[in-house]
N, C-alpha and C. Protein backbone atom coordinates (compact mmCIF):
# COMPACT_ATOMS: atom_id res chain seq x y z
N UNK A 1 221.38 67.74 42.19
CA UNK A 1 221.25 68.44 43.40
C UNK A 1 221.56 67.48 44.54
N UNK A 2 222.24 67.99 45.40
CA UNK A 2 222.66 67.12 46.45
C UNK A 2 221.64 67.16 47.58
N UNK A 3 221.80 66.26 48.37
CA UNK A 3 220.89 66.13 49.51
C UNK A 3 221.03 67.35 50.43
N UNK A 4 222.18 67.80 50.49
CA UNK A 4 222.45 68.94 51.35
C UNK A 4 221.77 70.17 50.78
N UNK A 5 221.82 70.39 49.51
CA UNK A 5 221.21 71.53 48.86
C UNK A 5 219.70 71.41 49.00
N UNK A 6 219.18 70.22 48.82
CA UNK A 6 217.74 69.98 48.94
C UNK A 6 217.29 70.31 50.36
N UNK A 7 218.05 69.92 51.32
CA UNK A 7 217.71 70.19 52.71
C UNK A 7 217.73 71.69 52.96
N UNK A 8 218.73 72.38 52.37
CA UNK A 8 218.81 73.82 52.54
C UNK A 8 217.62 74.50 51.88
N UNK A 9 217.24 74.05 50.68
CA UNK A 9 216.09 74.63 49.98
C UNK A 9 214.80 74.41 50.79
N UNK A 10 214.64 73.20 51.30
CA UNK A 10 213.43 72.88 52.09
C UNK A 10 213.43 73.74 53.35
N UNK A 11 214.59 73.85 53.97
CA UNK A 11 214.72 74.63 55.19
C UNK A 11 214.42 76.10 54.90
N UNK A 12 214.96 76.61 53.77
CA UNK A 12 214.74 78.00 53.38
C UNK A 12 213.26 78.23 53.10
N UNK A 13 212.67 77.30 52.39
CA UNK A 13 211.27 77.40 52.03
C UNK A 13 210.41 77.34 53.29
N UNK A 14 210.72 76.45 54.21
CA UNK A 14 209.97 76.30 55.46
C UNK A 14 210.11 77.57 56.30
N UNK A 15 211.33 78.13 56.32
CA UNK A 15 211.58 79.34 57.09
C UNK A 15 210.78 80.49 56.49
N UNK A 16 210.77 80.60 55.16
CA UNK A 16 210.03 81.67 54.50
C UNK A 16 208.54 81.52 54.79
N UNK A 17 208.06 80.27 54.73
CA UNK A 17 206.65 80.01 55.02
C UNK A 17 206.35 80.34 56.48
N UNK A 18 207.24 79.97 57.39
CA UNK A 18 207.06 80.24 58.82
C UNK A 18 207.09 81.76 59.06
N UNK A 19 208.04 82.46 58.41
CA UNK A 19 208.13 83.91 58.56
C UNK A 19 206.85 84.58 58.06
N UNK A 20 206.32 84.09 56.94
CA UNK A 20 205.09 84.64 56.39
C UNK A 20 203.93 84.40 57.35
N UNK A 21 203.86 83.20 57.93
CA UNK A 21 202.80 82.87 58.88
C UNK A 21 202.92 83.74 60.14
N UNK A 22 204.16 83.92 60.60
CA UNK A 22 204.39 84.73 61.79
C UNK A 22 203.99 86.18 61.50
N UNK A 23 204.37 86.68 60.33
CA UNK A 23 204.04 88.05 59.95
C UNK A 23 202.52 88.22 59.85
N UNK A 24 201.84 87.24 59.26
CA UNK A 24 200.38 87.30 59.14
C UNK A 24 199.74 87.25 60.53
N UNK A 25 200.26 86.39 61.39
CA UNK A 25 199.74 86.26 62.75
C UNK A 25 199.97 87.57 63.51
N UNK A 26 201.16 88.15 63.31
CA UNK A 26 201.48 89.42 63.99
C UNK A 26 200.54 90.53 63.50
N UNK A 27 200.30 90.56 62.20
CA UNK A 27 199.38 91.54 61.61
C UNK A 27 197.98 91.37 62.19
N UNK A 28 197.53 90.11 62.26
CA UNK A 28 196.20 89.82 62.81
C UNK A 28 196.14 90.20 64.29
N UNK A 29 197.20 89.90 65.03
CA UNK A 29 197.25 90.25 66.45
C UNK A 29 197.21 91.76 66.62
N UNK A 30 197.97 92.49 65.78
CA UNK A 30 197.97 93.95 65.85
C UNK A 30 196.58 94.51 65.55
N UNK A 31 195.89 93.92 64.57
CA UNK A 31 194.54 94.35 64.22
C UNK A 31 193.58 94.09 65.38
N UNK A 32 193.71 92.92 66.00
CA UNK A 32 192.85 92.57 67.15
C UNK A 32 193.10 93.53 68.31
N UNK A 33 194.38 93.82 68.60
CA UNK A 33 194.73 94.74 69.68
C UNK A 33 194.19 96.14 69.38
N UNK A 34 194.34 96.59 68.12
CA UNK A 34 193.84 97.91 67.73
C UNK A 34 192.32 97.97 67.88
N UNK A 35 191.64 96.92 67.45
CA UNK A 35 190.18 96.87 67.57
C UNK A 35 189.76 96.86 69.04
N UNK A 36 190.46 96.06 69.85
CA UNK A 36 190.15 95.99 71.28
C UNK A 36 190.40 97.34 71.96
N UNK A 37 191.50 97.99 71.58
CA UNK A 37 191.81 99.30 72.14
C UNK A 37 190.73 100.31 71.77
N UNK A 38 190.29 100.27 70.52
CA UNK A 38 189.23 101.17 70.06
C UNK A 38 187.92 100.90 70.79
N UNK A 39 187.58 99.60 70.95
CA UNK A 39 186.35 99.23 71.68
C UNK A 39 186.44 99.69 73.14
N UNK A 40 187.60 99.48 73.76
CA UNK A 40 187.78 99.89 75.15
C UNK A 40 187.62 101.40 75.29
N UNK A 41 188.19 102.16 74.34
CA UNK A 41 188.06 103.62 74.37
C UNK A 41 186.60 104.03 74.21
N UNK A 42 185.87 103.36 73.31
CA UNK A 42 184.45 103.66 73.10
C UNK A 42 183.65 103.34 74.36
N UNK A 43 183.91 102.18 74.94
CA UNK A 43 183.21 101.77 76.16
C UNK A 43 183.50 102.77 77.29
N UNK A 44 184.78 103.15 77.43
CA UNK A 44 185.17 104.12 78.45
C UNK A 44 184.45 105.45 78.23
N UNK A 45 184.42 105.90 77.00
CA UNK A 45 183.77 107.16 76.65
C UNK A 45 182.27 107.10 76.94
N UNK A 46 181.63 106.00 76.52
CA UNK A 46 180.19 105.82 76.77
C UNK A 46 179.91 105.77 78.27
N UNK A 47 180.76 105.05 79.01
CA UNK A 47 180.58 104.94 80.46
C UNK A 47 180.74 106.31 81.12
N UNK A 48 181.73 107.08 80.67
CA UNK A 48 181.95 108.42 81.23
C UNK A 48 180.75 109.32 80.92
N UNK A 49 180.26 109.25 79.69
CA UNK A 49 179.10 110.06 79.30
C UNK A 49 177.87 109.66 80.11
N UNK A 50 177.65 108.35 80.24
CA UNK A 50 176.50 107.85 81.00
C UNK A 50 176.62 108.26 82.47
N UNK A 51 177.82 108.12 83.03
CA UNK A 51 178.04 108.48 84.42
C UNK A 51 177.80 109.98 84.63
N UNK A 52 178.30 110.78 83.70
CA UNK A 52 178.09 112.23 83.79
C UNK A 52 176.61 112.58 83.69
N UNK A 53 175.91 111.92 82.77
CA UNK A 53 174.47 112.16 82.60
C UNK A 53 173.72 111.74 83.87
N UNK A 54 174.07 110.58 84.42
CA UNK A 54 173.41 110.12 85.65
C UNK A 54 173.71 111.04 86.82
N UNK A 55 174.96 111.52 86.90
CA UNK A 55 175.32 112.44 87.98
C UNK A 55 174.55 113.75 87.86
N UNK A 56 174.41 114.25 86.63
CA UNK A 56 173.65 115.48 86.40
C UNK A 56 172.18 115.27 86.78
N UNK A 57 171.62 114.14 86.37
CA UNK A 57 170.22 113.83 86.70
C UNK A 57 170.04 113.71 88.21
N UNK A 58 170.98 113.02 88.86
CA UNK A 58 170.91 112.85 90.31
C UNK A 58 171.01 114.21 91.01
N UNK A 59 171.88 115.07 90.52
CA UNK A 59 172.01 116.41 91.10
C UNK A 59 170.70 117.17 90.96
N UNK A 60 170.07 117.08 89.79
CA UNK A 60 168.78 117.75 89.58
C UNK A 60 167.73 117.22 90.56
N UNK A 61 167.70 115.90 90.72
CA UNK A 61 166.72 115.29 91.62
C UNK A 61 166.96 115.70 93.07
N UNK A 62 168.23 115.77 93.47
CA UNK A 62 168.55 116.17 94.84
C UNK A 62 168.12 117.62 95.07
N UNK A 63 168.41 118.48 94.10
CA UNK A 63 168.02 119.89 94.22
C UNK A 63 166.50 120.01 94.27
N UNK A 64 165.80 119.28 93.40
CA UNK A 64 164.34 119.33 93.38
C UNK A 64 163.77 118.82 94.70
N UNK A 65 164.35 117.76 95.22
CA UNK A 65 163.88 117.20 96.48
C UNK A 65 164.11 118.19 97.63
N UNK A 66 165.27 118.84 97.62
CA UNK A 66 165.56 119.83 98.66
C UNK A 66 164.60 121.01 98.56
N UNK A 67 164.32 121.45 97.33
CA UNK A 67 163.36 122.55 97.15
C UNK A 67 161.99 122.15 97.66
N UNK A 68 161.58 120.93 97.34
CA UNK A 68 160.26 120.46 97.76
C UNK A 68 160.19 120.38 99.29
N UNK A 69 161.25 119.86 99.91
CA UNK A 69 161.27 119.76 101.37
C UNK A 69 161.23 121.16 101.99
N UNK A 70 161.97 122.09 101.40
CA UNK A 70 161.99 123.46 101.88
C UNK A 70 160.61 124.10 101.73
N UNK A 71 159.99 123.89 100.59
CA UNK A 71 158.65 124.43 100.34
C UNK A 71 157.65 123.87 101.35
N UNK A 72 157.78 122.57 101.65
CA UNK A 72 156.88 121.94 102.61
C UNK A 72 157.07 122.57 104.00
N UNK A 73 158.33 122.79 104.39
CA UNK A 73 158.60 123.42 105.68
C UNK A 73 158.00 124.82 105.75
N UNK A 74 158.11 125.56 104.65
CA UNK A 74 157.54 126.91 104.60
C UNK A 74 156.03 126.84 104.75
N UNK A 75 155.40 125.90 104.04
CA UNK A 75 153.94 125.76 104.13
C UNK A 75 153.50 125.36 105.53
N UNK A 76 154.24 124.45 106.16
CA UNK A 76 153.92 124.03 107.53
C UNK A 76 154.06 125.22 108.48
N UNK A 77 155.13 126.00 108.30
CA UNK A 77 155.33 127.17 109.16
C UNK A 77 154.22 128.20 108.95
N UNK A 78 153.84 128.41 107.69
CA UNK A 78 152.75 129.35 107.40
C UNK A 78 151.44 128.87 108.02
N UNK A 79 151.19 127.58 107.89
CA UNK A 79 149.96 127.02 108.47
C UNK A 79 149.94 127.23 109.98
N UNK A 80 151.10 127.03 110.61
CA UNK A 80 151.20 127.21 112.05
C UNK A 80 150.90 128.67 112.42
N UNK A 81 151.46 129.61 111.66
CA UNK A 81 151.21 131.03 111.92
C UNK A 81 149.73 131.36 111.74
N UNK A 82 149.12 130.82 110.68
CA UNK A 82 147.69 131.06 110.46
C UNK A 82 146.85 130.48 111.60
N UNK A 83 147.18 129.25 112.03
CA UNK A 83 146.45 128.63 113.14
C UNK A 83 146.60 129.45 114.42
N UNK A 84 147.83 129.93 114.67
CA UNK A 84 148.07 130.74 115.87
C UNK A 84 147.32 132.07 115.79
N UNK A 85 147.26 132.65 114.60
CA UNK A 85 146.53 133.91 114.41
C UNK A 85 145.04 133.70 114.68
N UNK A 86 144.49 132.62 114.13
CA UNK A 86 143.08 132.32 114.37
C UNK A 86 142.83 132.06 115.86
N UNK A 87 143.71 131.31 116.51
CA UNK A 87 143.54 131.01 117.93
C UNK A 87 143.63 132.29 118.77
N UNK A 88 144.55 133.19 118.42
CA UNK A 88 144.68 134.45 119.15
C UNK A 88 143.44 135.31 118.96
N UNK A 89 142.91 135.33 117.75
CA UNK A 89 141.69 136.09 117.48
C UNK A 89 140.52 135.51 118.26
N UNK A 90 140.42 134.18 118.26
CA UNK A 90 139.35 133.51 119.00
C UNK A 90 139.48 133.80 120.51
N UNK A 91 140.71 133.78 121.02
CA UNK A 91 140.93 134.06 122.45
C UNK A 91 140.54 135.50 122.78
N UNK A 92 140.88 136.42 121.89
CA UNK A 92 140.52 137.83 122.10
C UNK A 92 139.00 138.00 122.12
N UNK A 93 138.32 137.36 121.16
CA UNK A 93 136.85 137.46 121.09
C UNK A 93 136.16 136.80 122.28
N UNK A 94 136.80 135.80 122.87
CA UNK A 94 136.17 135.08 123.99
C UNK A 94 136.38 135.79 125.33
N UNK A 95 137.18 136.83 125.33
CA UNK A 95 137.43 137.55 126.58
C UNK A 95 136.26 138.48 126.90
N UNK A 96 135.70 138.37 128.12
CA UNK A 96 134.61 139.26 128.49
C UNK A 96 135.07 140.73 128.55
N UNK A 97 136.37 140.94 128.68
CA UNK A 97 136.92 142.30 128.78
C UNK A 97 137.39 142.83 127.43
N UNK A 98 137.03 142.15 126.35
CA UNK A 98 137.45 142.58 125.02
C UNK A 98 136.98 144.01 124.76
N UNK A 99 137.91 144.85 124.32
CA UNK A 99 137.56 146.23 123.98
C UNK A 99 136.63 146.21 122.77
N UNK A 100 135.51 146.90 122.88
CA UNK A 100 134.56 146.97 121.78
C UNK A 100 133.51 145.87 121.79
N UNK A 101 133.51 145.05 122.84
CA UNK A 101 132.54 143.95 122.92
C UNK A 101 131.10 144.48 122.94
N UNK A 102 130.86 145.50 123.74
CA UNK A 102 129.51 146.06 123.86
C UNK A 102 129.04 146.63 122.53
N UNK A 103 129.93 147.34 121.83
CA UNK A 103 129.51 147.92 120.54
C UNK A 103 129.31 146.83 119.50
N UNK A 104 130.07 145.74 119.57
CA UNK A 104 129.87 144.61 118.65
C UNK A 104 128.51 143.97 118.89
N UNK A 105 128.16 143.77 120.16
CA UNK A 105 126.84 143.20 120.49
C UNK A 105 125.72 144.14 120.04
N UNK A 106 125.92 145.44 120.23
CA UNK A 106 124.93 146.43 119.81
C UNK A 106 124.74 146.39 118.29
N UNK A 107 125.85 146.27 117.56
CA UNK A 107 125.79 146.19 116.09
C UNK A 107 125.06 144.93 115.64
N UNK A 108 125.34 143.80 116.30
CA UNK A 108 124.65 142.55 115.95
C UNK A 108 123.15 142.65 116.26
N UNK A 109 122.81 143.31 117.36
CA UNK A 109 121.39 143.46 117.71
C UNK A 109 120.70 144.37 116.70
N UNK A 110 121.41 145.36 116.17
CA UNK A 110 120.84 146.24 115.13
C UNK A 110 120.54 145.41 113.87
N UNK A 111 121.42 144.48 113.54
CA UNK A 111 121.16 143.58 112.40
C UNK A 111 119.95 142.71 112.70
N UNK A 112 119.82 142.29 113.96
CA UNK A 112 118.67 141.48 114.36
C UNK A 112 117.38 142.29 114.20
N UNK A 113 117.44 143.58 114.49
CA UNK A 113 116.26 144.44 114.31
C UNK A 113 115.84 144.47 112.85
N UNK A 114 116.83 144.47 111.93
CA UNK A 114 116.53 144.46 110.50
C UNK A 114 115.86 143.16 110.07
N UNK A 115 116.18 142.08 110.76
CA UNK A 115 115.60 140.77 110.42
C UNK A 115 114.13 140.73 110.85
N UNK A 116 113.84 141.24 112.02
CA UNK A 116 112.46 141.25 112.50
C UNK A 116 112.40 141.25 114.01
N UNK A 117 111.23 141.58 114.53
CA UNK A 117 111.06 141.69 115.98
C UNK A 117 110.49 140.42 116.61
N UNK A 118 109.90 139.55 115.80
CA UNK A 118 109.22 138.37 116.33
C UNK A 118 110.21 137.21 116.52
N UNK A 119 111.30 137.48 117.22
CA UNK A 119 112.33 136.48 117.45
C UNK A 119 112.75 136.52 118.91
N UNK A 120 113.21 135.39 119.40
CA UNK A 120 113.79 135.30 120.74
C UNK A 120 115.31 135.35 120.61
N UNK A 121 115.95 135.80 121.66
CA UNK A 121 117.41 135.87 121.70
C UNK A 121 117.90 134.75 122.60
N UNK A 122 118.76 133.89 122.05
CA UNK A 122 119.40 132.83 122.85
C UNK A 122 120.88 133.21 122.98
N UNK A 123 121.25 133.80 124.10
CA UNK A 123 122.60 134.36 124.23
C UNK A 123 123.65 133.33 124.66
N UNK A 124 124.89 133.66 124.35
CA UNK A 124 126.01 132.98 125.01
C UNK A 124 126.00 133.53 126.43
N UNK A 125 126.17 132.67 127.41
CA UNK A 125 125.96 133.05 128.82
C UNK A 125 126.72 134.31 129.23
N UNK A 126 127.95 134.47 128.81
CA UNK A 126 128.73 135.64 129.26
C UNK A 126 128.15 136.96 128.74
N UNK A 127 127.33 136.91 127.68
CA UNK A 127 126.74 138.13 127.11
C UNK A 127 125.26 138.30 127.48
N UNK A 128 124.74 137.42 128.33
CA UNK A 128 123.31 137.45 128.66
C UNK A 128 122.89 138.82 129.21
N UNK A 129 123.63 139.35 130.16
CA UNK A 129 123.24 140.61 130.80
C UNK A 129 123.20 141.74 129.77
N UNK A 130 124.27 141.88 128.99
CA UNK A 130 124.33 142.97 128.00
C UNK A 130 123.24 142.80 126.95
N UNK A 131 122.99 141.56 126.52
CA UNK A 131 121.99 141.32 125.48
C UNK A 131 120.57 141.52 126.00
N UNK A 132 120.32 141.21 127.27
CA UNK A 132 118.96 141.40 127.81
C UNK A 132 118.61 142.89 127.82
N UNK A 133 119.62 143.75 127.98
CA UNK A 133 119.38 145.19 127.92
C UNK A 133 119.15 145.66 126.49
N UNK A 134 119.81 144.99 125.51
CA UNK A 134 119.71 145.39 124.11
C UNK A 134 118.51 144.75 123.39
N UNK A 135 117.98 143.67 123.95
CA UNK A 135 116.96 142.87 123.25
C UNK A 135 115.62 143.59 123.15
N UNK A 136 115.40 144.57 123.98
CA UNK A 136 114.11 145.27 123.94
C UNK A 136 112.99 144.34 124.38
N UNK A 137 111.97 144.21 123.53
CA UNK A 137 110.80 143.39 123.87
C UNK A 137 110.99 141.93 123.50
N UNK A 138 112.10 141.59 122.92
CA UNK A 138 112.35 140.18 122.54
C UNK A 138 112.52 139.34 123.80
N UNK A 139 112.06 138.10 123.70
CA UNK A 139 112.25 137.17 124.81
C UNK A 139 113.67 136.65 124.84
N UNK A 140 114.14 136.30 126.02
CA UNK A 140 115.48 135.71 126.18
C UNK A 140 115.30 134.21 126.37
N UNK A 141 115.95 133.44 125.53
CA UNK A 141 115.85 131.99 125.61
C UNK A 141 117.02 131.39 126.38
N UNK A 142 117.13 130.08 126.26
CA UNK A 142 118.21 129.36 126.93
C UNK A 142 119.56 129.78 126.35
N UNK A 143 120.58 129.64 127.18
CA UNK A 143 121.95 129.98 126.75
C UNK A 143 122.44 128.95 125.72
N UNK A 144 123.34 129.41 124.87
CA UNK A 144 123.96 128.54 123.87
C UNK A 144 125.48 128.58 124.07
N UNK A 145 126.13 127.55 123.58
CA UNK A 145 127.59 127.51 123.67
C UNK A 145 128.20 128.49 122.68
N UNK A 146 129.32 129.07 123.06
CA UNK A 146 130.02 129.96 122.16
C UNK A 146 130.94 130.89 122.92
N UNK A 147 131.67 131.69 122.16
CA UNK A 147 132.61 132.63 122.78
C UNK A 147 132.00 134.03 122.91
N UNK A 148 130.80 134.20 122.41
CA UNK A 148 130.11 135.47 122.52
C UNK A 148 128.99 135.55 121.49
N UNK A 149 128.11 136.55 121.68
CA UNK A 149 127.03 136.74 120.73
C UNK A 149 125.77 135.99 121.10
N UNK A 150 124.96 135.68 120.08
CA UNK A 150 123.66 135.05 120.34
C UNK A 150 123.14 134.37 119.07
N UNK A 151 122.09 133.60 119.27
CA UNK A 151 121.33 133.04 118.15
C UNK A 151 119.96 133.69 118.21
N UNK A 152 119.55 134.23 117.07
CA UNK A 152 118.23 134.83 116.95
C UNK A 152 117.31 133.75 116.42
N UNK A 153 116.25 133.41 117.18
CA UNK A 153 115.41 132.27 116.82
C UNK A 153 113.94 132.71 116.75
N UNK A 154 113.27 132.30 115.67
CA UNK A 154 111.84 132.60 115.53
C UNK A 154 111.10 131.99 116.72
N UNK A 155 110.04 132.65 117.15
CA UNK A 155 109.31 132.17 118.33
C UNK A 155 108.76 130.77 118.12
N UNK A 156 108.46 130.40 116.88
CA UNK A 156 107.98 129.04 116.61
C UNK A 156 109.14 128.06 116.36
N UNK A 157 110.37 128.56 116.40
CA UNK A 157 111.54 127.69 116.22
C UNK A 157 111.83 127.30 114.79
N UNK A 158 111.09 127.85 113.83
CA UNK A 158 111.25 127.43 112.43
C UNK A 158 112.50 128.00 111.76
N UNK A 159 112.95 129.16 112.21
CA UNK A 159 114.10 129.83 111.59
C UNK A 159 115.02 130.35 112.68
N UNK A 160 116.31 130.26 112.44
CA UNK A 160 117.25 130.87 113.38
C UNK A 160 118.41 131.49 112.61
N UNK A 161 118.97 132.53 113.20
CA UNK A 161 120.12 133.23 112.64
C UNK A 161 121.24 133.17 113.67
N UNK A 162 122.35 132.60 113.27
CA UNK A 162 123.47 132.42 114.19
C UNK A 162 124.34 133.68 114.17
N UNK A 163 124.31 134.40 115.25
CA UNK A 163 125.09 135.63 115.37
C UNK A 163 126.12 135.50 116.49
N UNK A 164 126.56 134.27 116.69
CA UNK A 164 127.60 134.05 117.70
C UNK A 164 128.95 134.43 117.11
N UNK A 165 129.84 134.88 117.96
CA UNK A 165 131.17 135.30 117.51
C UNK A 165 131.90 134.15 116.82
N UNK A 166 131.71 132.92 117.32
CA UNK A 166 132.39 131.75 116.73
C UNK A 166 132.05 131.63 115.25
N UNK A 167 130.75 131.66 114.98
CA UNK A 167 130.26 131.48 113.61
C UNK A 167 130.72 132.63 112.72
N UNK A 168 130.59 133.85 113.24
CA UNK A 168 130.99 135.03 112.47
C UNK A 168 132.50 135.02 112.20
N UNK A 169 133.28 134.60 113.21
CA UNK A 169 134.74 134.51 113.02
C UNK A 169 135.08 133.46 111.97
N UNK A 170 134.45 132.28 112.06
CA UNK A 170 134.74 131.22 111.08
C UNK A 170 134.40 131.67 109.66
N UNK A 171 133.26 132.32 109.50
CA UNK A 171 132.86 132.80 108.17
C UNK A 171 133.83 133.87 107.67
N UNK A 172 134.11 134.82 108.54
CA UNK A 172 135.03 135.91 108.18
C UNK A 172 136.42 135.35 107.86
N UNK A 173 136.86 134.37 108.65
CA UNK A 173 138.18 133.76 108.43
C UNK A 173 138.24 133.12 107.05
N UNK A 174 137.22 132.38 106.71
CA UNK A 174 137.19 131.73 105.38
C UNK A 174 137.14 132.77 104.26
N UNK A 175 136.32 133.80 104.46
CA UNK A 175 136.18 134.84 103.43
C UNK A 175 137.46 135.66 103.27
N UNK A 176 138.18 135.87 104.36
CA UNK A 176 139.34 136.76 104.33
C UNK A 176 140.68 136.03 104.39
N UNK A 177 140.67 134.70 104.26
CA UNK A 177 141.91 133.94 104.39
C UNK A 177 142.96 134.37 103.37
N UNK A 178 142.53 134.62 102.16
CA UNK A 178 143.47 135.04 101.12
C UNK A 178 144.14 136.36 101.48
N UNK A 179 143.36 137.34 101.88
CA UNK A 179 143.96 138.64 102.22
C UNK A 179 144.76 138.55 103.52
N UNK A 180 144.34 137.70 104.46
CA UNK A 180 145.10 137.49 105.69
C UNK A 180 146.46 136.89 105.36
N UNK A 181 146.46 135.92 104.47
CA UNK A 181 147.72 135.29 104.05
C UNK A 181 148.63 136.31 103.39
N UNK A 182 148.06 137.16 102.55
CA UNK A 182 148.85 138.21 101.89
C UNK A 182 149.46 139.15 102.92
N UNK A 183 148.67 139.56 103.88
CA UNK A 183 149.16 140.48 104.92
C UNK A 183 150.27 139.84 105.73
N UNK A 184 150.10 138.59 106.10
CA UNK A 184 151.09 137.92 106.95
C UNK A 184 152.37 137.53 106.23
N UNK A 185 152.28 137.16 104.96
CA UNK A 185 153.43 136.53 104.31
C UNK A 185 154.02 137.28 103.12
N UNK A 186 153.45 138.40 102.76
CA UNK A 186 154.03 139.11 101.61
C UNK A 186 154.43 140.51 101.98
């Protein structure tokens, strides 16, 4: 074998080995690229799913927050209407010219008669004249604060019954708040 043939054989063998190495490297590179492409697609898909889930959750939270804010505004508005209704009722009851004031005082004095005769009447000043006519033999005591009515007090001071319009309105308001709310808002 000549030197030239040996060189050709070595060259051929080296080329074949190099081609095999290049082919193996290319195969490995293709596998790495395919794996990277698959991972990128998975990551993209997971990110899209997560983003969609977060967007859906955020939308739910925004809607819930808006509903809550709206509900709060409704409750505040209702409270304002209730407060205004109570204030208007109180203003009406505090008017000396209120229609039915005399009959209301007469009705309260009839209840006082049921309680007993051994009591003094402590009137709200604006009702003193009307109550002194209705009190009969009962004594008239010092005036009390209020928008109308009186306090019925035992002569020894041991027991008293508050029949002032303020107290009766507050009690009635608490007792009837549910039905008042129904009438106003439903």
